PDB file of N, CA and C in Angstrom:
ATOM      1  N   UNK A   1    -132.037  92.942 239.803  1.00  0.00           N
ATOM      2  CA  UNK A   1    -133.201  92.127 239.325  1.00  0.00           C
ATOM      3  C   UNK A   1    -133.088  92.573 237.863  1.00  0.00           C
ATOM      4  N   UNK A   2    -132.719  91.465 237.024  1.00  0.00           N
ATOM      5  CA  UNK A   2    -132.793  91.613 235.725  1.00  0.00           C
ATOM      6  C   UNK A   2    -134.393  90.980 235.378  1.00  0.00           C
ATOM      7  N   UNK A   3    -134.628  91.689 233.892  1.00  0.00           N
ATOM      8  CA  UNK A   3    -135.759  90.803 232.889  1.00  0.00           C
ATOM      9  C   UNK A   3    -135.840  89.879 231.961  1.00  0.00           C
ATOM     10  N   UNK A   4    -136.369  89.296 231.532  1.00  0.00           N
ATOM     11  CA  UNK A   4    -136.136  88.404 230.289  1.00  0.00           C
ATOM     12  C   UNK A   4    -137.627  88.935 229.956  1.00  0.00           C
ATOM     13  N   UNK A   5    -137.232  89.380 228.509  1.00  0.00           N
ATOM     14  CA  UNK A   5    -139.169  89.759 227.651  1.00  0.00           C
ATOM     15  C   UNK A   5    -139.163  89.060 226.246  1.00  0.00           C
ATOM     16  N   UNK A   6    -140.108  87.884 226.434  1.00  0.00           N
ATOM     17  CA  UNK A   6    -139.971  87.539 225.170  1.00  0.00           C
ATOM     18  C   UNK A   6    -141.712  87.793 224.111  1.00  0.00           C
ATOM     19  N   UNK A   7    -140.658  87.929 223.207  1.00  0.00           N
ATOM     20  CA  UNK A   7    -142.290  88.778 221.636  1.00  0.00           C
ATOM     21  C   UNK A   7    -143.238  89.853 222.261  1.00  0.00           C
ATOM     22  N   UNK A   8    -141.833  91.064 223.449  1.00  0.00           N
ATOM     23  CA  UNK A   8    -142.372  91.728 223.646  1.00  0.00           C
ATOM     24  C   UNK A   8    -143.453  92.258 224.619  1.00  0.00           C
ATOM     25  N   UNK A   9    -143.834  91.183 225.005  1.00  0.00           N
ATOM     26  CA  UNK A   9    -145.106  91.194 226.148  1.00  0.00           C
ATOM     27  C   UNK A   9    -144.838  90.440 227.218  1.00  0.00           C
ATOM     28  N   UNK A  10    -144.476  88.966 226.839  1.00  0.00           N
ATOM     29  CA  UNK A  10    -144.541  88.197 228.427  1.00  0.00           C
ATOM     30  C   UNK A  10    -143.015  88.361 229.386  1.00  0.00           C
ATOM     31  N   UNK A  11    -143.024  88.328 230.282  1.00  0.00           N
ATOM     32  CA  UNK A  11    -141.615  89.074 230.870  1.00  0.00           C
ATOM     33  C   UNK A  11    -142.144  88.108 232.025  1.00  0.00           C
ATOM     34  N   UNK A  12    -140.279  88.219 232.462  1.00  0.00           N
ATOM     35  CA  UNK A  12    -140.441  87.315 233.679  1.00  0.00           C
ATOM     36  C   UNK A  12    -139.028  87.710 234.636  1.00  0.00           C
ATOM     37  N   UNK A  13    -139.177  88.248 235.345  1.00  0.00           N
ATOM     38  CA  UNK A  13    -137.975  89.112 236.829  1.00  0.00           C
ATOM     39  C   UNK A  13    -137.670  87.533 237.424  1.00  0.00           C
ATOM     40  N   UNK A  14    -136.063  88.198 236.591  1.00  0.00           N
ATOM     41  CA  UNK A  14    -135.149  87.233 237.529  1.00  0.00           C
ATOM     42  C   UNK A  14    -133.790  88.241 237.716  1.00  0.00           C
ATOM     43  N   UNK A  15    -133.458  86.929 238.843  1.00  0.00           N
ATOM     44  CA  UNK A  15    -132.020  87.819 239.175  1.00  0.00           C
ATOM     45  C   UNK A  15    -130.790  87.763 238.263  1.00  0.00           C
ATOM     46  N   UNK A  16    -130.008  88.840 238.286  1.00  0.00           N
ATOM     47  CA  UNK A  16    -129.516  88.814 237.551  1.00  0.00           C
ATOM     48  C   UNK A  16    -128.101  87.911 237.330  1.00  0.00           C
ATOM     49  N   UNK A  17    -127.230  87.046 238.010  1.00  0.00           N
ATOM     50  CA  UNK A  17    -127.137  85.720 238.082  1.00  0.00           C
ATOM     51  C   UNK A  17    -127.928  84.483 236.955  1.00  0.00           C
ATOM     52  N   UNK A  18    -128.794  84.047 238.011  1.00  0.00           N
ATOM     53  CA  UNK A  18    -129.794  83.740 237.143  1.00  0.00           C
ATOM     54  C   UNK A  18    -130.274  83.688 235.146  1.00  0.00           C
ATOM     55  N   UNK A  19    -130.491  85.039 235.553  1.00  0.00           N
ATOM     56  CA  UNK A  19    -130.537  85.688 233.796  1.00  0.00           C
ATOM     57  C   UNK A  19    -128.901  85.296 232.858  1.00  0.00           C
ATOM     58  N   UNK A  20    -127.841  85.733 233.610  1.00  0.00           N
ATOM     59  CA  UNK A  20    -127.122  85.396 233.096  1.00  0.00           C
ATOM     60  C   UNK A  20    -126.770  84.322 232.636  1.00  0.00           C
ATOM     61  N   UNK A  21    -126.962  82.920 233.014  1.00  0.00           N
ATOM     62  CA  UNK A  21    -127.232  81.457 232.925  1.00  0.00           C
ATOM     63  C   UNK A  21    -128.249  81.113 231.877  1.00  0.00           C
ATOM     64  N   UNK A  22    -129.032  81.502 231.850  1.00  0.00           N
ATOM     65  CA  UNK A  22    -130.308  81.577 230.997  1.00  0.00           C
ATOM     66  C   UNK A  22    -129.884  81.907 229.370  1.00  0.00           C
ATOM     67  N   UNK A  23    -129.380  83.044 229.386  1.00  0.00           N
ATOM     68  CA  UNK A  23    -129.175  83.465 228.227  1.00  0.00           C
ATOM     69  C   UNK A  23    -128.020  82.708 227.498  1.00  0.00           C
ATOM     70  N   UNK A  24    -126.765  82.046 228.145  1.00  0.00           N
ATOM     71  CA  UNK A  24    -126.007  81.208 227.776  1.00  0.00           C
ATOM     72  C   UNK A  24    -126.271  79.509 227.123  1.00  0.00           C
ATOM     73  N   UNK A  25    -127.908  79.588 227.850  1.00  0.00           N
ATOM     74  CA  UNK A  25    -128.088  77.940 227.707  1.00  0.00           C
ATOM     75  C   UNK A  25    -128.711  78.161 226.632  1.00  0.00           C
ATOM     76  N   UNK A  26    -130.006  79.439 226.249  1.00  0.00           N
ATOM     77  CA  UNK A  26    -130.855  79.985 225.373  1.00  0.00           C
ATOM     78  C   UNK A  26    -130.199  80.180 224.284  1.00  0.00           C
ATOM     79  N   UNK A  27    -128.946  80.786 224.278  1.00  0.00           N
ATOM     80  CA  UNK A  27    -127.992  81.296 222.943  1.00  0.00           C
ATOM     81  C   UNK A  27    -127.620  80.286 222.848  1.00  0.00           C
ATOM     82  N   UNK A  28    -127.208  78.915 222.986  1.00  0.00           N
ATOM     83  CA  UNK A  28    -125.974  77.698 223.002  1.00  0.00           C
ATOM     84  C   UNK A  28    -127.700  76.773 221.822  1.00  0.00           C
ATOM     85  N   UNK A  29    -128.336  77.176 222.772  1.00  0.00           N
ATOM     86  CA  UNK A  29    -129.990  75.813 222.047  1.00  0.00           C
ATOM     87  C   UNK A  29    -130.083  77.007 220.573  1.00  0.00           C
ATOM     88  N   UNK A  30    -130.257  78.057 220.565  1.00  0.00           N
ATOM     89  CA  UNK A  30    -131.105  79.120 219.655  1.00  0.00           C
ATOM     90  C   UNK A  30    -129.360  78.613 217.714  1.00  0.00           C
ATOM     91  N   UNK A  31    -128.233  78.187 218.675  1.00  0.00           N
ATOM     92  CA  UNK A  31    -127.382  79.081 217.921  1.00  0.00           C
ATOM     93  C   UNK A  31    -127.409  77.172 216.573  1.00  0.00           C
ATOM     94  N   UNK A  32    -127.877  76.610 217.383  1.00  0.00           N
ATOM     95  CA  UNK A  32    -127.982  74.765 217.366  1.00  0.00           C
ATOM     96  C   UNK A  32    -129.362  74.359 216.082  1.00  0.00           C
ATOM     97  N   UNK A  33    -129.872  75.505 216.513  1.00  0.00           N
ATOM     98  CA  UNK A  33    -131.602  75.343 215.418  1.00  0.00           C
ATOM     99  C   UNK A  33    -132.348  75.097 216.474  1.00  0.00           C
ATOM    100  N   UNK A  34    -131.934  74.360 217.720  1.00  0.00           N
ATOM    101  CA  UNK A  34    -133.057  73.591 218.096  1.00  0.00           C
ATOM    102  C   UNK A  34    -134.140  74.024 219.019  1.00  0.00           C
ATOM    103  N   UNK A  35    -135.452  74.438 218.585  1.00  0.00           N
ATOM    104  CA  UNK A  35    -137.104  74.857 219.838  1.00  0.00           C
ATOM    105  C   UNK A  35    -136.705  74.131 221.451  1.00  0.00           C
ATOM    106  N   UNK A  36    -137.333  74.506 221.612  1.00  0.00           N
ATOM    107  CA  UNK A  36    -137.177  74.595 222.751  1.00  0.00           C
ATOM    108  C   UNK A  36    -138.610  75.229 223.933  1.00  0.00           C
ATOM    109  N   UNK A  37    -139.495  74.103 224.745  1.00  0.00           N
ATOM    110  CA  UNK A  37    -140.091  75.164 226.190  1.00  0.00           C
ATOM    111  C   UNK A  37    -139.286  75.446 227.007  1.00  0.00           C
ATOM    112  N   UNK A  38    -139.624  76.774 227.340  1.00  0.00           N
ATOM    113  CA  UNK A  38    -138.895  77.119 228.650  1.00  0.00           C
ATOM    114  C   UNK A  38    -139.889  77.610 229.492  1.00  0.00           C
ATOM    115  N   UNK A  39    -140.013  77.199 230.906  1.00  0.00           N
ATOM    116  CA  UNK A  39    -141.096  77.394 231.918  1.00  0.00           C
ATOM    117  C   UNK A  39    -139.983  77.705 233.102  1.00  0.00           C
ATOM    118  N   UNK A  40    -140.988  78.847 233.552  1.00  0.00           N
ATOM    119  CA  UNK A  40    -140.594  79.484 235.001  1.00  0.00           C
ATOM    120  C   UNK A  40    -141.824  79.524 235.610  1.00  0.00           C
ATOM    121  N   UNK A  41    -141.569  79.709 237.223  1.00  0.00           N
ATOM    122  CA  UNK A  41    -142.720  79.737 237.912  1.00  0.00           C
ATOM    123  C   UNK A  41    -142.012  81.419 238.497  1.00  0.00           C
ATOM    124  N   UNK A  42    -143.382  82.309 238.594  1.00  0.00           N
ATOM    125  CA  UNK A  42    -143.746  83.770 238.610  1.00  0.00           C
ATOM    126  C   UNK A  42    -143.370  83.991 240.499  1.00  0.00           C
ATOM    127  N   UNK A  43    -143.119  85.004 240.743  1.00  0.00           N
ATOM    128  CA  UNK A  43    -142.480  85.323 241.750  1.00  0.00           C
ATOM    129  C   UNK A  43    -144.019  85.415 242.723  1.00  0.00           C
ATOM    130  N   UNK A  44    -144.038  84.615 244.309  1.00  0.00           N
ATOM    131  CA  UNK A  44    -145.190  85.108 244.820  1.00  0.00           C
ATOM    132  C   UNK A  44    -145.780  85.930 244.853  1.00  0.00           C
ATOM    133  N   UNK A  45    -145.141  87.059 245.290  1.00  0.00           N
ATOM    134  CA  UNK A  45    -145.617  88.816 244.832  1.00  0.00           C
ATOM    135  C   UNK A  45    -147.067  89.069 244.167  1.00  0.00           C
ATOM    136  N   UNK A  46    -146.828  88.438 243.109  1.00  0.00           N
ATOM    137  CA  UNK A  46    -147.017  88.687 241.703  1.00  0.00           C
ATOM    138  C   UNK A  46    -148.292  87.366 241.939  1.00  0.00           C
ATOM    139  N   UNK A  47    -148.639  86.818 242.614  1.00  0.00           N
ATOM    140  CA  UNK A  47    -149.713  85.834 241.988  1.00  0.00           C
ATOM    141  C   UNK A  47    -148.988  84.235 242.095  1.00  0.00           C
ATOM    142  N   UNK A  48    -147.734  83.922 242.032  1.00  0.00           N
ATOM    143  CA  UNK A  48    -146.983  82.995 241.543  1.00  0.00           C
ATOM    144  C   UNK A  48    -147.533  82.155 240.197  1.00  0.00           C
ATOM    145  N   UNK A  49    -147.560  81.413 239.677  1.00  0.00           N
ATOM    146  CA  UNK A  49    -148.077  80.665 238.711  1.00  0.00           C
ATOM    147  C   UNK A  49    -146.533  79.950 238.164  1.00  0.00           C
ATOM    148  N   UNK A  50    -147.276  79.961 236.699  1.00  0.00           N
ATOM    149  CA  UNK A  50    -145.985  79.319 235.549  1.00  0.00           C
ATOM    150  C   UNK A  50    -146.355  79.715 234.375  1.00  0.00           C
ATOM    151  N   UNK A  51    -145.225  80.082 234.102  1.00  0.00           N
ATOM    152  CA  UNK A  51    -145.126  80.340 232.841  1.00  0.00           C
ATOM    153  C   UNK A  51    -144.618  79.437 232.107  1.00  0.00           C
ATOM    154  N   UNK A  52    -144.972  79.424 230.264  1.00  0.00           N
ATOM    155  CA  UNK A  52    -144.426  78.704 229.669  1.00  0.00           C
ATOM    156  C   UNK A  52    -144.164  79.191 228.283  1.00  0.00           C
ATOM    157  N   UNK A  53    -143.556  79.069 227.655  1.00  0.00           N
ATOM    158  CA  UNK A  53    -142.637  79.965 226.075  1.00  0.00           C
ATOM    159  C   UNK A  53    -142.294  78.744 225.060  1.00  0.00           C
ATOM    160  N   UNK A  54    -142.260  78.705 223.578  1.00  0.00           N
ATOM    161  CA  UNK A  54    -142.166  77.852 222.886  1.00  0.00           C
ATOM    162  C   UNK A  54    -140.656  78.484 222.461  1.00  0.00           C
ATOM    163  N   UNK A  55    -139.411  78.550 222.674  1.00  0.00           N
ATOM    164  CA  UNK A  55    -138.797  79.893 222.597  1.00  0.00           C
ATOM    165  C   UNK A  55    -138.312  78.711 220.625  1.00  0.00           C
ATOM    166  N   UNK A  56    -137.555  79.351 219.896  1.00  0.00           N
ATOM    167  CA  UNK A  56    -137.285  79.201 218.627  1.00  0.00           C
ATOM    168  C   UNK A  56    -136.101  80.368 217.851  1.00  0.00           C
ATOM    169  N   UNK A  57    -135.660  80.058 216.823  1.00  0.00           N
ATOM    170  CA  UNK A  57    -134.910  81.430 216.069  1.00  0.00           C
ATOM    171  C   UNK A  57    -135.471  81.938 216.132  1.00  0.00           C
ATOM    172  N   UNK A  58    -137.318  82.717 215.638  1.00  0.00           N
ATOM    173  CA  UNK A  58    -137.629  83.606 215.042  1.00  0.00           C
ATOM    174  C   UNK A  58    -138.114  84.298 216.203  1.00  0.00           C
ATOM    175  N   UNK A  59    -138.213  84.461 218.108  1.00  0.00           N
ATOM    176  CA  UNK A  59    -138.519  84.350 218.673  1.00  0.00           C
ATOM    177  C   UNK A  59    -138.155  85.515 218.823  1.00  0.00           C
ATOM    178  N   UNK A  60    -138.163  87.185 219.023  1.00  0.00           N
ATOM    179  CA  UNK A  60    -137.575  88.196 220.181  1.00  0.00           C
ATOM    180  C   UNK A  60    -137.924  87.886 221.224  1.00  0.00           C
ATOM    181  N   UNK A  61    -136.259  87.897 222.514  1.00  0.00           N
ATOM    182  CA  UNK A  61    -136.278  87.775 223.505  1.00  0.00           C
ATOM    183  C   UNK A  61    -134.698  89.544 223.769  1.00  0.00           C
ATOM    184  N   UNK A  62    -135.315  89.260 224.826  1.00  0.00           N
ATOM    185  CA  UNK A  62    -134.448  90.540 226.047  1.00  0.00           C
ATOM    186  C   UNK A  62    -133.671  90.529 226.822  1.00  0.00           C
ATOM    187  N   UNK A  63    -132.893  90.105 227.191  1.00  0.00           N
ATOM    188  CA  UNK A  63    -131.974  89.946 228.446  1.00  0.00           C
ATOM    189  C   UNK A  63    -131.897  91.551 229.105  1.00  0.00           C
ATOM    190  N   UNK A  64    -132.415  91.971 229.925  1.00  0.00           N
ATOM    191  CA  UNK A  64    -132.195  93.267 230.569  1.00  0.00           C
ATOM    192  C   UNK A  64    -131.551  92.483 232.038  1.00  0.00           C
ATOM    193  N   UNK A  65    -130.594  93.285 232.650  1.00  0.00           N
ATOM    194  CA  UNK A  65    -129.781  93.287 233.292  1.00  0.00           C
ATOM    195  C   UNK A  65    -130.325  93.933 234.452  1.00  0.00           C
ATOM    196  N   UNK A  66    -129.820  94.462 235.804  1.00  0.00           N
ATOM    197  CA  UNK A  66    -130.123  95.466 236.491  1.00  0.00           C
ATOM    198  C   UNK A  66    -128.332  96.488 236.834  1.00  0.00           C
ATOM    199  N   UNK A  67    -128.005  95.095 237.277  1.00  0.00           N
ATOM    200  CA  UNK A  67    -126.784  95.560 237.445  1.00  0.00           C
ATOM    201  C   UNK A  67    -125.346  95.837 236.046  1.00  0.00           C
ATOM    202  N   UNK A  68    -124.199  96.206 236.215  1.00  0.00           N
ATOM    203  CA  UNK A  68    -123.841  96.682 235.403  1.00  0.00           C
ATOM    204  C   UNK A  68    -122.218  95.941 234.707  1.00  0.00           C
ATOM    205  N   UNK A  69    -122.163  94.364 235.739  1.00  0.00           N
ATOM    206  CA  UNK A  69    -121.322  93.592 235.216  1.00  0.00           C
ATOM    207  C   UNK A  69    -121.903  92.635 234.974  1.00  0.00           C
ATOM    208  N   UNK A  70    -120.918  91.415 234.512  1.00  0.00           N
ATOM    209  CA  UNK A  70    -121.772  90.385 234.283  1.00  0.00           C
ATOM    210  C   UNK A  70    -121.158  89.207 235.294  1.00  0.00           C
ATOM    211  N   UNK A  71    -122.273  88.493 235.982  1.00  0.00           N
ATOM    212  CA  UNK A  71    -122.227  87.511 236.406  1.00  0.00           C
ATOM    213  C   UNK A  71    -120.442  86.737 236.054  1.00  0.00           C
ATOM    214  N   UNK A  72    -120.183  86.267 236.941  1.00  0.00           N
ATOM    215  CA  UNK A  72    -119.384  84.553 236.982  1.00  0.00           C
ATOM    216  C   UNK A  72    -119.918  83.063 236.129  1.00  0.00           C
ATOM    217  N   UNK A  73    -119.860  82.798 235.215  1.00  0.00           N
ATOM    218  CA  UNK A  73    -120.216  81.951 234.761  1.00  0.00           C
ATOM    219  C   UNK A  73    -119.929  80.115 235.632  1.00  0.00           C
ATOM    220  N   UNK A  74    -121.173  79.583 236.373  1.00  0.00           N
ATOM    221  CA  UNK A  74    -120.352  78.075 236.217  1.00  0.00           C
ATOM    222  C   UNK A  74    -121.001  77.414 235.587  1.00  0.00           C
ATOM    223  N   UNK A  75    -120.215  76.844 235.271  1.00  0.00           N
ATOM    224  CA  UNK A  75    -120.332  75.508 234.353  1.00  0.00           C
ATOM    225  C   UNK A  75    -121.048  74.755 234.763  1.00  0.00           C
ATOM    226  N   UNK A  76    -120.827  73.843 235.313  1.00  0.00           N
ATOM    227  CA  UNK A  76    -121.961  73.039 236.125  1.00  0.00           C
ATOM    228  C   UNK A  76    -123.056  73.184 236.247  1.00  0.00           C
ATOM    229  N   UNK A  77    -123.493  74.805 236.611  1.00  0.00           N
ATOM    230  CA  UNK A  77    -124.930  75.138 236.236  1.00  0.00           C
ATOM    231  C   UNK A  77    -126.229  75.096 234.591  1.00  0.00           C
ATOM    232  N   UNK A  78    -124.653  75.372 234.160  1.00  0.00           N
ATOM    233  CA  UNK A  78    -125.281  75.493 232.809  1.00  0.00           C
ATOM    234  C   UNK A  78    -125.336  73.833 232.031  1.00  0.00           C
ATOM    235  N   UNK A  79    -124.313  73.333 232.885  1.00  0.00           N
ATOM    236  CA  UNK A  79    -124.422  71.490 232.010  1.00  0.00           C
ATOM    237  C   UNK A  79    -126.096  71.046 232.653  1.00  0.00           C
ATOM    238  N   UNK A  80    -126.381  72.031 233.752  1.00  0.00           N
ATOM    239  CA  UNK A  80    -127.677  71.159 234.477  1.00  0.00           C
ATOM    240  C   UNK A  80    -128.986  71.885 234.096  1.00  0.00           C
ATOM    241  N   UNK A  81    -128.465  73.302 233.581  1.00  0.00           N
ATOM    242  CA  UNK A  81    -129.955  73.758 233.143  1.00  0.00           C
ATOM    243  C   UNK A  81    -129.976  73.391 231.184  1.00  0.00           C
ATOM    244  N   UNK A  82    -128.551  72.579 230.622  1.00  0.00           N
ATOM    245  CA  UNK A  82    -129.074  73.132 229.721  1.00  0.00           C
ATOM    246  C   UNK A  82    -129.069  70.801 229.152  1.00  0.00           C
ATOM    247  N   UNK A  83    -129.221  69.951 230.673  1.00  0.00           N
ATOM    248  CA  UNK A  83    -129.838  68.914 230.583  1.00  0.00           C
ATOM    249  C   UNK A  83    -131.536  69.209 230.456  1.00  0.00           C
ATOM    250  N   UNK A  84    -131.854  70.166 231.006  1.00  0.00           N
ATOM    251  CA  UNK A  84    -133.251  70.262 231.699  1.00  0.00           C
ATOM    252  C   UNK A  84    -134.001  70.602 230.115  1.00  0.00           C
ATOM    253  N   UNK A  85    -133.005  71.557 229.675  1.00  0.00           N
ATOM    254  CA  UNK A  85    -133.400  72.053 228.418  1.00  0.00           C
ATOM    255  C   UNK A  85    -133.845  71.056 227.197  1.00  0.00           C
ATOM    256  N   UNK A  86    -132.255  70.233 227.304  1.00  0.00           N
ATOM    257  CA  UNK A  86    -132.940  69.209 226.215  1.00  0.00           C
ATOM    258  C   UNK A  86    -133.852  68.060 226.091  1.00  0.00           C
ATOM    259  N   UNK A  87    -134.457  67.933 227.611  1.00  0.00           N
ATOM    260  CA  UNK A  87    -135.296  67.611 228.433  1.00  0.00           C
ATOM    261  C   UNK A  87    -136.300  67.631 226.864  1.00  0.00           C
ATOM    262  N   UNK A  88    -137.601  66.527 227.125  1.00  0.00           N
ATOM    263  CA  UNK A  88    -139.007  66.698 227.579  1.00  0.00           C
ATOM    264  C   UNK A  88    -139.838  67.625 227.168  1.00  0.00           C
ATOM    265  N   UNK A  89    -139.551  68.164 228.527  1.00  0.00           N
ATOM    266  CA  UNK A  89    -140.610  69.150 229.812  1.00  0.00           C
ATOM    267  C   UNK A  89    -139.713  70.568 229.296  1.00  0.00           C
ATOM    268  N   UNK A  90    -138.804  70.490 228.783  1.00  0.00           N
ATOM    269  CA  UNK A  90    -137.993  72.192 227.964  1.00  0.00           C
ATOM    270  C   UNK A  90    -137.017  72.122 229.257  1.00  0.00           C
ATOM    271  N   UNK A  91    -136.256  73.937 229.090  1.00  0.00           N
ATOM    272  CA  UNK A  91    -136.138  74.282 230.127  1.00  0.00           C
ATOM    273  C   UNK A  91    -136.849  74.587 231.812  1.00  0.00           C
ATOM    274  N   UNK A  92    -135.931  74.159 232.171  1.00  0.00           N
ATOM    275  CA  UNK A  92    -136.523  75.117 233.204  1.00  0.00           C
ATOM    276  C   UNK A  92    -135.168  75.561 235.055  1.00  0.00           C
ATOM    277  N   UNK A  93    -135.608  76.496 235.488  1.00  0.00           N
ATOM    278  CA  UNK A  93    -134.495  77.263 236.537  1.00  0.00           C
ATOM    279  C   UNK A  93    -134.319  75.870 237.286  1.00  0.00           C
ATOM    280  N   UNK A  94    -133.072  75.598 237.457  1.00  0.00           N
ATOM    281  CA  UNK A  94    -132.618  74.392 238.754  1.00  0.00           C
ATOM    282  C   UNK A  94    -131.955  74.617 240.073  1.00  0.00           C
ATOM    283  N   UNK A  95    -131.765  74.771 241.040  1.00  0.00           N
ATOM    284  CA  UNK A  95    -130.642  75.561 241.759  1.00  0.00           C
ATOM    285  C   UNK A  95    -129.560  75.221 241.317  1.00  0.00           C
ATOM    286  N   UNK A  96    -128.758  76.528 241.561  1.00  0.00           N
ATOM    287  CA  UNK A  96    -127.374  76.391 241.012  1.00  0.00           C
ATOM    288  C   UNK A  96    -126.252  75.198 242.113  1.00  0.00           C
ATOM    289  N   UNK A  97    -125.546  74.253 241.620  1.00  0.00           N
ATOM    290  CA  UNK A  97    -124.653  73.696 242.505  1.00  0.00           C
ATOM    291  C   UNK A  97    -123.726  74.180 242.171  1.00  0.00           C
ATOM    292  N   UNK A  98    -122.487  73.747 242.718  1.00  0.00           N
ATOM    293  CA  UNK A  98    -121.218  74.187 243.205  1.00  0.00           C
ATOM    294  C   UNK A  98    -120.090  74.282 241.814  1.00  0.00           C
ATOM    295  N   UNK A  99    -119.754  75.273 242.056  1.00  0.00           N
ATOM    296  CA  UNK A  99    -119.145  75.603 240.920  1.00  0.00           C
ATOM    297  C   UNK A  99    -117.684  74.601 241.104  1.00  0.00           C
ATOM    298  N   UNK A 100    -117.482  73.707 240.151  1.00  0.00           N
ATOM    299  CA  UNK A 100    -116.421  72.279 240.117  1.00  0.00           C
ATOM    300  C   UNK A 100    -115.316  73.225 239.846  1.00  0.00           C
ATOM    301  N   UNK A 101    -115.126  74.368 238.752  1.00  0.00           N
ATOM    302  CA  UNK A 101    -114.127  75.376 238.716  1.00  0.00           C
ATOM    303  C   UNK A 101    -113.147  75.635 240.377  1.00  0.00           C
ATOM    304  N   UNK A 102    -114.484  75.833 241.216  1.00  0.00           N
ATOM    305  CA  UNK A 102    -114.206  76.307 242.672  1.00  0.00           C
ATOM    306  C   UNK A 102    -113.523  75.305 243.663  1.00  0.00           C
ATOM    307  N   UNK A 103    -113.726  73.605 243.609  1.00  0.00           N
ATOM    308  CA  UNK A 103    -113.497  72.974 244.798  1.00  0.00           C
ATOM    309  C   UNK A 103    -112.253  73.665 244.888  1.00  0.00           C
ATOM    310  N   UNK A 104    -111.307  72.824 246.057  1.00  0.00           N
ATOM    311  CA  UNK A 104    -110.239  72.903 246.177  1.00  0.00           C
ATOM    312  C   UNK A 104    -109.463  72.003 245.552  1.00  0.00           C
ATOM    313  N   UNK A 105    -108.486  71.506 245.107  1.00  0.00           N
ATOM    314  CA  UNK A 105    -107.582  70.550 244.568  1.00  0.00           C
ATOM    315  C   UNK A 105    -107.830  69.242 245.382  1.00  0.00           C
ATOM    316  N   UNK A 106    -107.848  68.124 245.047  1.00  0.00           N
ATOM    317  CA  UNK A 106    -106.838  67.132 245.991  1.00  0.00           C
ATOM    318  C   UNK A 106    -106.024  66.976 246.667  1.00  0.00           C
ATOM    319  N   UNK A 107    -105.850  66.491 247.898  1.00  0.00           N
ATOM    320  CA  UNK A 107    -104.548  65.919 248.739  1.00  0.00           C
ATOM    321  C   UNK A 107    -104.349  64.843 247.918  1.00  0.00           C
ATOM    322  N   UNK A 108    -102.817  65.329 247.994  1.00  0.00           N
ATOM    323  CA  UNK A 108    -102.095  64.043 247.381  1.00  0.00           C
ATOM    324  C   UNK A 108    -101.385  62.920 248.308  1.00  0.00           C
TER     325      UNK A 108
END
């Protein structure tokens, strides 16, 4: 279980795999100088709820991973996450779709 820390105080406990994909999407948006909202739902064990932050190039973000190995990146998931990040509501975690790169080749 990894942790995203925003501005030294707001924290989100997220699976390392989810966090890896969020890091790519957030990094891409910030490199393009495109600020956006990011909303996530808290774990039900801590009361659930929803948190939204305004992510911009001046924000302090820390991506902390529990595991030592980087996750394999699913391009289809990156695209789905990026679509939400580009929407008026902002970045939201969506379910991971099958990785199109792992799909079997069609038979001729």
